[in-house]
């Protein structure tokens, strides 16, 4: 599997020179290489692509995982 962002720079042709993916962005789910993946400094921080990182920095939002299921809340009253 190749990095989504590296493949965008080389449309068509061979995959020579395209970086292999080393992880998956936890926000949008694209494959990222070491160059295009960013991880926070806190332990357990999610791996994010450069576009999701820019979006979160400009909006000061929390990352939303596409795999995160909504928590079921029980009303025991």
Protein backbone atom coordinates (compact mmCIF):
# COMPACT_ATOMS: atom_id res chain seq x y z
CA UNK A 1 0.00 0.00 0.00
CA UNK A 2 1.31 3.44 -0.91
CA UNK A 3 0.91 6.84 0.73
CA UNK A 4 -2.20 8.64 -0.53
CA UNK A 5 -0.43 12.02 -0.73
CA UNK A 6 2.66 10.67 -2.51
CA UNK A 7 0.44 8.96 -5.09
CA UNK A 8 -1.37 12.26 -5.76
CA UNK A 9 1.95 13.80 -6.82
CA UNK A 10 2.59 10.99 -9.35
CA UNK A 11 -0.69 10.35 -11.17
CA UNK A 12 -0.48 7.33 -13.47
CA UNK A 13 2.79 5.70 -14.44
CA UNK A 14 4.81 3.40 -12.22
CA UNK A 15 5.02 3.36 -8.46
CA UNK A 16 8.79 3.87 -8.50
CA UNK A 17 9.71 6.58 -6.03
CA UNK A 18 6.36 6.57 -4.21
CA UNK A 19 6.70 6.06 -0.45
CA UNK A 20 5.03 3.07 1.15
CA UNK A 21 2.41 3.71 3.80
CA UNK A 22 3.45 3.28 7.42
CA UNK A 23 0.09 4.01 9.00
CA UNK A 24 -3.53 5.03 8.59
CA UNK A 25 -4.90 8.45 9.54
CA UNK A 26 -7.27 7.93 12.47
CA UNK A 27 -9.49 10.80 11.37
CA UNK A 28 -10.08 10.26 7.63
CA UNK A 29 -8.66 6.76 7.03
CA UNK A 30 -6.10 7.44 4.27
CA UNK A 31 -2.75 5.64 4.12
CA UNK A 32 0.19 7.89 5.09
CA UNK A 33 3.97 7.61 4.94
CA UNK A 34 6.39 8.91 7.57
CA UNK A 35 6.65 12.22 5.70
CA UNK A 36 2.88 12.85 5.59
CA UNK A 37 1.83 11.37 8.95
CA UNK A 38 1.96 13.39 12.16
CA UNK A 39 1.52 12.17 15.71
CA UNK A 40 1.04 14.29 18.81
CA UNK A 41 3.61 14.48 21.58
CA UNK A 42 1.31 12.96 24.21
CA UNK A 43 1.41 9.18 24.71
CA UNK A 44 -1.48 7.52 22.90
CA UNK A 45 -2.00 10.43 20.49
CA UNK A 46 -3.57 9.35 17.18
CA UNK A 47 -1.68 9.30 13.89
CA UNK A 48 -3.11 12.00 11.59
CA UNK A 49 -2.43 13.01 8.01
CA UNK A 50 -1.21 16.52 7.20
CA UNK A 51 -4.64 17.70 5.99
CA UNK A 52 -6.45 16.55 9.15
CA UNK A 53 -3.72 18.10 11.30
CA UNK A 54 -4.12 21.46 9.51
CA UNK A 55 -7.89 21.26 9.90
CA UNK A 56 -7.68 20.46 13.62
CA UNK A 57 -5.13 23.20 14.27
CA UNK A 58 -7.24 25.86 12.52
CA UNK A 59 -10.50 24.82 14.20
CA UNK A 60 -9.10 23.71 17.62
CA UNK A 61 -11.26 20.61 17.37
CA UNK A 62 -10.77 17.08 18.64
CA UNK A 63 -10.08 14.31 16.11
CA UNK A 64 -13.11 12.15 15.36
CA UNK A 65 -12.31 8.57 14.51
CA UNK A 66 -14.28 7.04 11.65
CA UNK A 67 -14.19 3.77 13.54
CA UNK A 68 -15.40 5.21 16.85
CA UNK A 69 -18.89 4.02 17.67
CA UNK A 70 -21.26 6.29 19.59
CA UNK A 71 -21.47 5.38 23.24
CA UNK A 72 -24.70 3.78 24.35
CA UNK A 73 -26.20 5.63 27.30
CA UNK A 74 -28.52 3.83 29.64
CA UNK A 75 -31.22 5.77 31.41
CA UNK A 76 -31.57 3.97 34.74
CA UNK A 77 -33.86 6.56 36.34
